[in-house]
Amino acid sequence: MASSAVLSSLKVLEGPPNPRQSKSSGYEHLLEQITNTSEPSELAQNLSAFVDSILGESLGIVAARPLLGAYVEALRNLSSSAIKIKAGRHALHALESRVVSFEEQDASIREIVADAFQEQEDYVDAAKILQGIQLESSQRKVSDDDKVRIWIRICRLYLEEDDTTSAESYLNRAKNLLYKVEDKELNLMFQLSQARILDSRRKFLEASQAYHSFSLSLALAEEERAFALSKAIICAVLAPAGPQRSRVLGRLFKDERAVHVEEFGILEKMFLDRLISPSEVAKFADKLAPHQLAPTADGSTVLAKAVIEHNLLGASRLYNNIGVDELGMLLGLDAAKSEEYAARMLEQGRLAGSIDQIDGVIFFGAQDATGDKAITTRAHPAGKMAARRWDSNVQGLTEDVERVSSLLQAQYPTFVAVNLTH
């Protein structure tokens, strides 16, 4: 309950007007007394009583607005987050039925209370308070920049609690107005939030590209750019093995800043298709966020799955064929599991080759001569694959001979007429 002195002063101010002092100046003087002399245990209650009084029947809307504005400034200058939250929430509750008349003050109080919740790491309550801000109103004009700023802040608050569904809904609102926003900082915050959502949803390939794009911004400090590049490498490592990831790894490996990042060692092995040892995996796992270590549907972690697929791809560079038992030993799996991984990668076109299930042998093949599609024939493929490889090599050789012959014909026609024409 508010102190008796404050209640007495408010009762006087709510009474008949004093010819010696206007009500507005009296309220302003009382607010200054409350903030300067109240005990910490009574400050929130005194401020709440003050708000109830100025929103009462003794003052009209015109007189109450500047007083509520003064209250907002007094609330903003408080040092205690707990008092800000308690007094601010009471004020918001008192404004509920009259918010149309005090939208500007309501929005300011909500931002102050959200800041206080954020200081206490209560991110969900901070987001919920900000959601109450009226952004579409006939009473006040809210710029597109301010709308996007609020939505992105709500998005980032939900991301702190790994609530990607709520975060994405507010990011999508911001996306619809982003083309009107010229503030570079807001655009960067949008890019980072988008990368974090993709990361949280385990869309690691897209997240890596988003983080890398963010890290290239010259508007960021060097430490922030290095942090984003590190995140890009981590997401690329966790992405499913295959041609798309190889291209992303290639871009990161060629980034001259990558050698200064702690994760460069595993990036180098991934890009060069070298086998990764369990000790290296364990060291890398220490840097991952909880959602990056969460188990997948088959019980393995995202990291374990990514490393198994990478080592399988690395094995295809070392061997023309390998038994499923030997492959299992190489990958640290049983034979059935190693065959399952290989079959899935073959089926998805991320590994070139085929499986002879009768003999228990996996044949690793090259890309076919017409492009990037992997050869994945399931019937006994050894002779067919060898023949296709031979045909491709012969075709390449004859094309090279034809090219050399044409060059000689163009530059040395006499020599060609004497020595090569029959």
Protein backbone atom coordinates (compact mmCIF):
# COMPACT_ATOMS: atom_id res chain seq x y z
CA MET A 1 0.00 0.00 0.00
CA ALA A 2 1.15 3.56 -0.69
CA SER A 3 2.49 5.67 2.17
CA SER A 4 0.04 7.77 4.17
CA ALA A 5 1.81 11.00 3.20
CA VAL A 6 1.41 10.29 -0.52
CA LEU A 7 -2.23 9.27 -0.09
CA SER A 8 -2.96 12.47 1.85
CA SER A 9 -1.30 14.63 -0.83
CA LEU A 10 -3.25 12.87 -3.57
CA LYS A 11 -6.52 13.36 -1.68
CA VAL A 12 -5.84 17.10 -1.49
CA LEU A 13 -5.03 17.27 -5.21
CA GLU A 14 -8.18 15.36 -6.10
CA GLY A 15 -10.28 17.83 -4.12
CA PRO A 16 -11.45 21.31 -5.14
CA PRO A 17 -8.89 23.41 -7.06
CA ASN A 18 -6.45 25.49 -5.01
CA PRO A 19 -6.24 29.08 -6.28
CA ARG A 20 -2.59 29.29 -5.16
CA GLN A 21 -1.41 26.24 -7.11
CA SER A 22 -2.70 24.46 -10.22
CA LYS A 23 -3.41 20.77 -10.03
CA SER A 24 -0.82 20.00 -12.72
CA SER A 25 2.04 21.69 -10.88
CA GLY A 26 0.91 20.04 -7.66
CA TYR A 27 1.04 16.59 -9.26
CA GLU A 28 4.46 17.32 -10.77
CA HIS A 29 5.82 18.40 -7.39
CA LEU A 30 4.38 15.29 -5.73
CA LEU A 31 5.89 12.99 -8.40
CA GLU A 32 9.29 14.54 -7.74
CA GLN A 33 8.85 13.93 -4.01
CA ILE A 34 7.82 10.30 -4.60
CA THR A 35 10.86 9.48 -6.73
CA ASN A 36 13.33 11.30 -4.45
CA THR A 37 12.11 10.46 -0.92
CA SER A 38 10.12 7.19 -1.08
CA GLU A 39 11.55 4.10 0.57
CA PRO A 40 12.37 1.33 -1.93
CA SER A 41 9.71 -0.89 -0.35
CA GLU A 42 7.02 1.78 -0.93
CA LEU A 43 8.19 3.32 -4.22
CA ALA A 44 6.21 1.01 -6.55
CA GLN A 45 2.99 1.44 -4.52
CA ASN A 46 3.42 5.23 -4.38
CA LEU A 47 3.90 5.42 -8.15
CA SER A 48 0.86 3.20 -8.68
CA ALA A 49 -1.27 5.46 -6.46
CA PHE A 50 -0.04 8.47 -8.44
CA VAL A 51 -1.09 6.86 -11.76
CA ASP A 52 -4.50 5.89 -10.38
CA SER A 53 -5.05 9.48 -9.29
CA ILE A 54 -4.11 11.20 -12.56
CA LEU A 55 -6.24 8.74 -14.51
CA GLY A 56 -9.18 9.32 -12.18
CA GLU A 57 -12.11 11.66 -12.62
CA SER A 58 -10.45 14.72 -11.10
CA LEU A 59 -8.37 15.39 -14.23
CA GLY A 60 -9.35 15.52 -17.86
CA ILE A 61 -7.46 13.82 -20.70
CA VAL A 62 -5.71 17.04 -21.75
CA ALA A 63 -4.30 17.61 -18.25
CA ALA A 64 -3.52 13.93 -17.64
CA ARG A 65 -1.37 13.39 -20.77
CA PRO A 66 1.62 15.59 -19.77
CA LEU A 67 1.48 14.22 -16.23
CA LEU A 68 1.52 10.67 -17.53
CA GLY A 69 4.45 11.68 -19.75
CA ALA A 70 6.30 12.92 -16.63
CA TYR A 71 5.48 9.60 -14.93
CA VAL A 72 6.97 7.73 -17.92
CA GLU A 73 10.25 9.67 -17.58
CA ALA A 74 10.33 9.05 -13.81
CA LEU A 75 9.77 5.32 -14.43
CA ARG A 76 12.52 5.22 -17.06
CA ASN A 77 15.04 6.79 -14.63
CA LEU A 78 14.48 4.24 -11.86
CA SER A 79 17.44 1.93 -11.20
CA SER A 80 15.51 -1.10 -9.94
CA SER A 81 14.15 -3.46 -12.61
CA ALA A 82 11.74 -5.03 -10.13
CA ILE A 83 10.17 -1.65 -9.26
CA LYS A 84 9.92 -0.75 -12.95
CA ILE A 85 8.06 -3.99 -13.63
CA LYS A 86 5.70 -3.68 -10.66
CA ALA A 87 4.83 -0.01 -11.19
CA GLY A 88 4.79 -0.29 -14.99
CA ARG A 89 2.44 -3.28 -15.07
CA HIS A 90 0.05 -1.51 -12.72
CA ALA A 91 0.06 1.53 -15.01
CA LEU A 92 -0.62 -0.64 -18.06
CA HIS A 93 -3.53 -2.29 -16.26
CA ALA A 94 -4.94 1.14 -15.34
CA LEU A 95 -4.62 2.28 -18.96
CA GLU A 96 -6.40 -0.74 -20.47
CA SER A 97 -9.82 0.88 -20.68
CA ARG A 98 -8.44 4.26 -21.84
CA VAL A 99 -5.50 3.21 -24.01
CA VAL A 100 -6.94 4.92 -27.10
CA SER A 101 -6.42 8.29 -25.40
CA PHE A 102 -2.89 7.49 -24.17
CA GLU A 103 -1.34 5.30 -26.88
CA GLU A 104 2.01 7.12 -26.91
CA GLN A 105 2.46 6.81 -23.14
CA ASP A 106 1.24 3.19 -23.17
CA ALA A 107 3.86 2.28 -25.80
CA SER A 108 6.63 4.01 -23.82
CA ILE A 109 5.69 2.20 -20.60
CA ARG A 110 5.63 -1.14 -22.41
CA GLU A 111 9.15 -0.59 -23.77
CA ILE A 112 10.43 0.37 -20.30
CA VAL A 113 8.85 -2.72 -18.70
CA ALA A 114 10.18 -4.92 -21.53
CA ASP A 115 13.69 -3.55 -20.90
CA ALA A 116 13.32 -4.43 -17.21
CA PHE A 117 12.14 -7.97 -17.99
CA GLN A 118 15.06 -8.35 -20.40
CA GLU A 119 17.52 -7.27 -17.69
CA GLN A 120 16.13 -10.10 -15.56
CA GLU A 121 16.44 -12.50 -18.55
CA ASP A 122 12.68 -13.00 -18.62
CA TYR A 123 12.50 -12.87 -22.40
CA VAL A 124 9.02 -14.31 -22.93
CA ASP A 125 7.33 -11.76 -20.64
CA ALA A 126 9.32 -8.99 -22.33
CA ALA A 127 8.05 -10.15 -25.73
CA LYS A 128 4.45 -10.39 -24.51
CA ILE A 129 4.57 -6.84 -23.11
CA LEU A 130 5.84 -5.51 -26.46
CA GLN A 131 3.11 -7.37 -28.34
CA GLY A 132 0.56 -5.05 -26.69
CA ILE A 133 1.94 -1.93 -28.43
CA GLN A 134 -0.63 -0.51 -30.87
CA LEU A 135 1.24 -0.20 -34.19
CA GLU A 136 -1.83 0.35 -36.39
CA SER A 137 -3.73 3.32 -35.02
CA SER A 138 -5.54 6.44 -36.15
CA GLN A 139 -4.45 8.28 -33.00
CA ARG A 140 -0.71 8.29 -33.72
CA LYS A 141 1.48 7.64 -36.73
CA VAL A 142 4.01 4.84 -36.37
CA SER A 143 6.77 4.80 -39.00
CA ASP A 144 7.68 1.63 -40.89
CA ASP A 145 11.11 1.72 -39.24
CA ASP A 146 9.53 1.71 -35.77
CA LYS A 147 7.19 -1.15 -36.68
CA VAL A 148 10.04 -3.27 -38.00
CA ARG A 149 12.18 -2.40 -34.98
CA ILE A 150 9.47 -3.62 -32.56
CA TRP A 151 8.77 -6.81 -34.54
CA ILE A 152 12.44 -7.71 -34.83
CA ARG A 153 12.94 -7.09 -31.12
CA ILE A 154 10.03 -9.42 -30.29
CA CYS A 155 11.50 -11.98 -32.69
CA ARG A 156 14.91 -11.83 -31.00
CA LEU A 157 13.35 -12.14 -27.53
CA TYR A 158 11.54 -15.33 -28.53
CA LEU A 159 14.77 -16.66 -30.06
CA GLU A 160 16.45 -16.30 -26.66
CA GLU A 161 13.94 -18.90 -25.42
CA ASP A 162 14.27 -21.04 -28.59
CA ASP A 163 10.64 -20.38 -29.50
CA THR A 164 11.25 -20.33 -33.25
CA THR A 165 7.56 -20.56 -34.17
CA SER A 166 6.66 -17.27 -32.45
CA ALA A 167 9.93 -15.69 -33.56
CA GLU A 168 9.33 -16.56 -37.21
CA SER A 169 5.81 -15.14 -37.18
CA TYR A 170 7.13 -11.71 -36.17
CA LEU A 171 10.09 -11.95 -38.54
CA ASN A 172 7.64 -12.55 -41.39
CA ARG A 173 5.77 -9.38 -40.42
CA ALA A 174 9.03 -7.45 -40.56
CA LYS A 175 9.89 -9.04 -43.91
CA ASN A 176 6.79 -7.52 -45.52
CA LEU A 177 7.99 -3.99 -44.69
CA LEU A 178 11.74 -4.46 -44.87
CA TYR A 179 11.99 -3.07 -48.41
CA LYS A 180 10.81 0.31 -47.04
CA VAL A 181 13.42 0.38 -44.26
CA GLU A 182 16.65 2.26 -44.94
CA ASP A 183 18.17 1.80 -41.48
CA LYS A 184 21.21 -0.46 -42.01
CA GLU A 185 21.20 -1.66 -38.42
CA LEU A 186 17.62 -2.90 -38.70
CA ASN A 187 18.46 -4.73 -41.91
CA LEU A 188 21.44 -6.40 -40.22
CA MET A 189 19.30 -7.39 -37.22
CA PHE A 190 16.80 -8.93 -39.64
CA GLN A 191 19.55 -10.94 -41.39
CA LEU A 192 20.92 -12.21 -38.09
CA SER A 193 17.46 -13.16 -36.79
CA GLN A 194 16.73 -15.02 -40.02
CA ALA A 195 20.02 -16.93 -39.71
CA ARG A 196 19.28 -17.83 -36.08
CA ILE A 197 15.81 -19.14 -36.97
CA LEU A 198 17.22 -21.31 -39.77
CA ASP A 199 19.89 -22.54 -37.35
CA SER A 200 17.30 -23.37 -34.65
CA ARG A 201 15.14 -25.22 -37.19
CA ARG A 202 18.22 -27.27 -38.20
CA LYS A 203 18.23 -25.90 -41.73
CA PHE A 204 21.98 -25.73 -41.39
CA LEU A 205 22.88 -25.25 -45.05
CA GLU A 206 20.65 -22.16 -45.41
CA ALA A 207 21.73 -20.93 -41.94
CA SER A 208 25.41 -21.17 -42.93
CA GLN A 209 24.81 -19.09 -46.04
CA ALA A 210 22.83 -16.50 -44.04
CA TYR A 211 25.52 -16.24 -41.34
CA HIS A 212 28.25 -15.93 -43.97
CA SER A 213 26.37 -13.17 -45.79
CA PHE A 214 25.89 -11.37 -42.45
CA SER A 215 29.61 -11.69 -41.64
CA LEU A 216 30.54 -9.85 -44.85
CA SER A 217 28.87 -6.60 -43.74
CA LEU A 218 31.43 -3.85 -43.22
CA ALA A 219 29.03 -2.07 -40.84
CA LEU A 220 29.79 -4.67 -38.15
CA ALA A 221 32.68 -4.66 -35.72
CA GLU A 222 35.47 -7.11 -36.50
CA GLU A 223 34.56 -9.30 -33.51
CA GLU A 224 30.94 -9.58 -34.65
CA ARG A 225 32.00 -10.48 -38.19
CA ALA A 226 34.35 -13.18 -36.86
CA PHE A 227 31.58 -14.55 -34.61
CA ALA A 228 29.15 -14.75 -37.55
CA LEU A 229 31.80 -16.48 -39.69
CA SER A 230 32.35 -18.99 -36.89
CA LYS A 231 28.60 -19.68 -36.80
CA ALA A 232 28.59 -20.12 -40.58
CA ILE A 233 31.35 -22.74 -40.35
CA ILE A 234 29.60 -24.62 -37.54
CA CYS A 235 26.33 -24.77 -39.50
CA ALA A 236 28.14 -25.87 -42.66
CA VAL A 237 29.80 -28.72 -40.75
CA LEU A 238 26.41 -29.84 -39.38
CA ALA A 239 24.71 -29.74 -42.80
CA PRO A 240 24.07 -33.02 -44.67
CA ALA A 241 27.03 -34.14 -46.79
CA GLY A 242 26.66 -33.67 -50.53
CA PRO A 243 27.42 -31.37 -53.47
CA GLN A 244 25.52 -28.38 -52.01
CA ARG A 245 27.40 -28.52 -48.74
CA SER A 246 30.70 -28.93 -50.63
CA ARG A 247 30.02 -25.67 -52.44
CA VAL A 248 29.26 -23.87 -49.17
CA LEU A 249 32.38 -25.35 -47.54
CA GLY A 250 34.39 -24.19 -50.56
CA ARG A 251 33.21 -20.59 -50.16
CA LEU A 252 34.02 -20.61 -46.45
CA PHE A 253 37.41 -22.28 -46.95
CA LYS A 254 38.38 -19.66 -49.53
CA ASP A 255 37.37 -16.80 -47.21
CA GLU A 256 40.71 -15.34 -46.13
CA ARG A 257 39.35 -14.69 -42.62
CA ALA A 258 38.59 -18.36 -42.01
CA VAL A 259 42.19 -19.26 -41.05
CA HIS A 260 41.86 -17.03 -37.97
CA VAL A 261 38.71 -18.78 -36.73
CA GLU A 262 38.97 -21.60 -34.18
CA GLU A 263 36.83 -23.92 -36.30
CA PHE A 264 39.15 -23.71 -39.32
CA GLY A 265 40.74 -27.12 -38.56
CA ILE A 266 37.52 -29.09 -38.97
CA LEU A 267 36.48 -26.86 -41.90
CA GLU A 268 39.70 -27.78 -43.70
CA LYS A 269 39.17 -31.50 -43.17
CA MET A 270 35.58 -31.26 -44.30
CA PHE A 271 36.45 -29.34 -47.45
CA LEU A 272 39.37 -31.63 -48.38
CA ASP A 273 37.29 -34.77 -47.65
CA ARG A 274 39.67 -36.01 -44.96
CA LEU A 275 38.46 -38.46 -42.34
CA ILE A 276 37.61 -36.90 -38.96
CA SER A 277 38.58 -38.71 -35.75
CA PRO A 278 36.28 -39.13 -32.69
CA SER A 279 38.55 -36.89 -30.58
CA GLU A 280 38.15 -34.06 -33.09
CA VAL A 281 34.38 -34.56 -33.07
CA ALA A 282 34.27 -34.41 -29.25
CA LYS A 283 36.33 -31.19 -29.20
CA PHE A 284 34.06 -29.59 -31.80
CA ALA A 285 30.91 -30.69 -29.91
CA ASP A 286 31.92 -28.57 -26.90
CA LYS A 287 31.24 -25.42 -28.94
CA LEU A 288 27.72 -26.37 -30.06
CA ALA A 289 24.41 -25.00 -28.82
CA PRO A 290 21.88 -27.38 -27.18
CA HIS A 291 19.63 -27.55 -30.27
CA GLN A 292 22.66 -28.55 -32.36
CA LEU A 293 23.31 -31.50 -30.02
CA ALA A 294 19.69 -32.64 -29.76
CA PRO A 295 19.01 -36.23 -30.91
CA THR A 296 17.42 -36.87 -34.30
CA ALA A 297 14.65 -39.37 -35.10
CA ASP A 298 17.08 -42.31 -35.24
CA GLY A 299 18.63 -41.43 -31.87
CA SER A 300 21.91 -39.99 -33.17
CA THR A 301 22.87 -36.33 -32.87
CA VAL A 302 23.02 -33.93 -35.81
CA LEU A 303 26.81 -33.72 -35.40
CA ALA A 304 27.29 -37.50 -35.31
CA LYS A 305 25.15 -37.91 -38.42
CA ALA A 306 27.02 -35.14 -40.26
CA VAL A 307 30.42 -36.64 -39.41
CA ILE A 308 29.35 -40.17 -40.41
CA GLU A 309 28.11 -38.90 -43.77
CA HIS A 310 31.28 -36.87 -44.25
CA ASN A 311 33.54 -39.84 -43.43
CA LEU A 312 31.49 -41.98 -45.81
CA LEU A 313 32.04 -39.38 -48.52
CA GLY A 314 35.73 -39.29 -47.60
CA ALA A 315 35.95 -43.07 -47.88
CA SER A 316 34.52 -42.85 -51.41
CA ARG A 317 37.51 -40.70 -52.34
CA LEU A 318 39.97 -43.25 -50.94
CA TYR A 319 38.48 -46.52 -52.21
CA ASN A 320 36.91 -47.79 -55.41
CA ASN A 321 34.89 -50.29 -53.36
CA ILE A 322 34.66 -51.47 -49.77
CA GLY A 323 32.83 -54.20 -47.87
CA VAL A 324 30.00 -53.10 -45.62
CA ASP A 325 31.75 -54.71 -42.61
CA GLU A 326 34.96 -52.78 -43.28
CA LEU A 327 32.96 -49.58 -43.87
CA GLY A 328 31.23 -50.11 -40.53
CA MET A 329 34.59 -50.38 -38.78
CA LEU A 330 35.75 -47.18 -40.49
CA LEU A 331 32.62 -45.26 -39.49
CA GLY A 332 32.32 -46.75 -36.00
CA LEU A 333 29.00 -48.43 -36.85
CA ASP A 334 27.73 -51.95 -37.40
CA ALA A 335 27.52 -53.25 -40.97
CA ALA A 336 23.75 -52.83 -41.27
CA LYS A 337 23.87 -49.21 -40.10
CA SER A 338 26.75 -48.30 -42.41
CA GLU A 339 24.88 -49.82 -45.37
CA GLU A 340 21.77 -47.84 -44.38
CA TYR A 341 23.72 -44.56 -44.40
CA ALA A 342 25.28 -45.39 -47.78
CA ALA A 343 21.91 -46.37 -49.28
CA ARG A 344 20.28 -43.14 -48.11
CA MET A 345 23.07 -40.98 -49.57
CA LEU A 346 22.98 -42.91 -52.85
CA GLU A 347 19.22 -42.56 -53.07
CA GLN A 348 19.39 -38.80 -52.44
CA GLY A 349 22.12 -38.33 -55.04
CA ARG A 350 24.68 -37.18 -52.48
CA LEU A 351 27.01 -40.12 -53.10
CA ALA A 352 28.00 -41.68 -56.43
CA GLY A 353 28.07 -45.48 -56.62
CA SER A 354 25.96 -48.53 -55.86
CA ILE A 355 25.54 -51.41 -53.42
CA ASP A 356 25.92 -55.11 -54.16
CA GLN A 357 23.83 -56.51 -51.32
CA ILE A 358 24.55 -60.13 -52.29
CA ASP A 359 28.31 -59.81 -51.86
CA GLY A 360 28.05 -57.05 -49.24
CA VAL A 361 30.19 -54.61 -51.21
CA ILE A 362 29.71 -50.90 -51.89
CA PHE A 363 31.09 -49.64 -55.21
CA PHE A 364 32.01 -45.99 -55.31
CA GLY A 365 31.67 -44.37 -58.73
CA ALA A 366 32.35 -41.07 -60.41
CA GLN A 367 29.71 -38.60 -61.53
CA ASP A 368 28.19 -39.63 -64.82
CA ALA A 369 29.41 -38.04 -68.05
CA THR A 370 26.31 -35.87 -68.60
CA GLY A 371 26.47 -33.87 -65.37
CA ASP A 372 26.19 -34.01 -61.60
CA LYS A 373 23.75 -36.87 -61.12
CA ALA A 374 25.24 -39.80 -59.28
CA ILE A 375 25.18 -43.31 -60.71
CA THR A 376 22.97 -45.34 -58.34
CA THR A 377 22.12 -48.57 -60.19
CA ARG A 378 21.09 -51.33 -57.75
CA ALA A 379 21.63 -54.36 -60.01
CA HIS A 380 25.18 -55.78 -60.11
CA PRO A 381 26.83 -52.63 -61.44
CA ALA A 382 30.58 -53.28 -61.55
CA GLY A 383 30.88 -54.10 -65.26
CA LYS A 384 28.32 -51.51 -66.34
CA MET A 385 29.94 -48.75 -64.32
CA ALA A 386 33.41 -49.64 -65.58
CA ALA A 387 32.14 -49.62 -69.18
CA ARG A 388 30.50 -46.24 -68.75
CA ARG A 389 33.66 -44.86 -67.19
CA TRP A 390 35.71 -46.27 -70.05
CA ASP A 391 33.34 -44.77 -72.64
CA SER A 392 33.53 -41.39 -70.92
CA ASN A 393 37.33 -41.46 -70.85
CA VAL A 394 37.56 -42.49 -74.52
CA GLN A 395 35.13 -39.73 -75.48
CA GLY A 396 37.19 -37.17 -73.56
CA LEU A 397 40.43 -38.37 -75.22
CA THR A 398 39.01 -38.21 -78.75
CA GLU A 399 37.64 -34.74 -78.12
CA ASP A 400 41.08 -33.60 -76.93
CA VAL A 401 42.72 -35.09 -80.05
CA GLU A 402 40.19 -33.35 -82.26
CA ARG A 403 40.81 -30.05 -80.47
CA VAL A 404 44.61 -30.33 -80.93
CA SER A 405 44.17 -31.26 -84.59
CA SER A 406 42.00 -28.19 -85.20
CA LEU A 407 44.54 -25.91 -83.55
CA LEU A 408 47.36 -27.36 -85.67
CA GLN A 409 45.26 -26.96 -88.81
CA ALA A 410 44.65 -23.30 -87.98
CA GLN A 411 48.24 -22.38 -87.07
CA TYR A 412 50.37 -24.79 -89.15
CA PRO A 413 48.36 -25.76 -92.26
CA THR A 414 51.48 -26.80 -94.25
CA PHE A 415 52.66 -29.15 -91.53
CA VAL A 416 49.21 -30.71 -91.30
CA ALA A 417 48.99 -31.16 -95.09
CA VAL A 418 52.37 -32.94 -95.23
CA ASN A 419 52.22 -35.06 -92.09
CA LEU A 420 48.61 -35.58 -91.02
CA THR A 421 46.59 -35.69 -94.26
CA HIS A 422 46.28 -39.05 -96.06
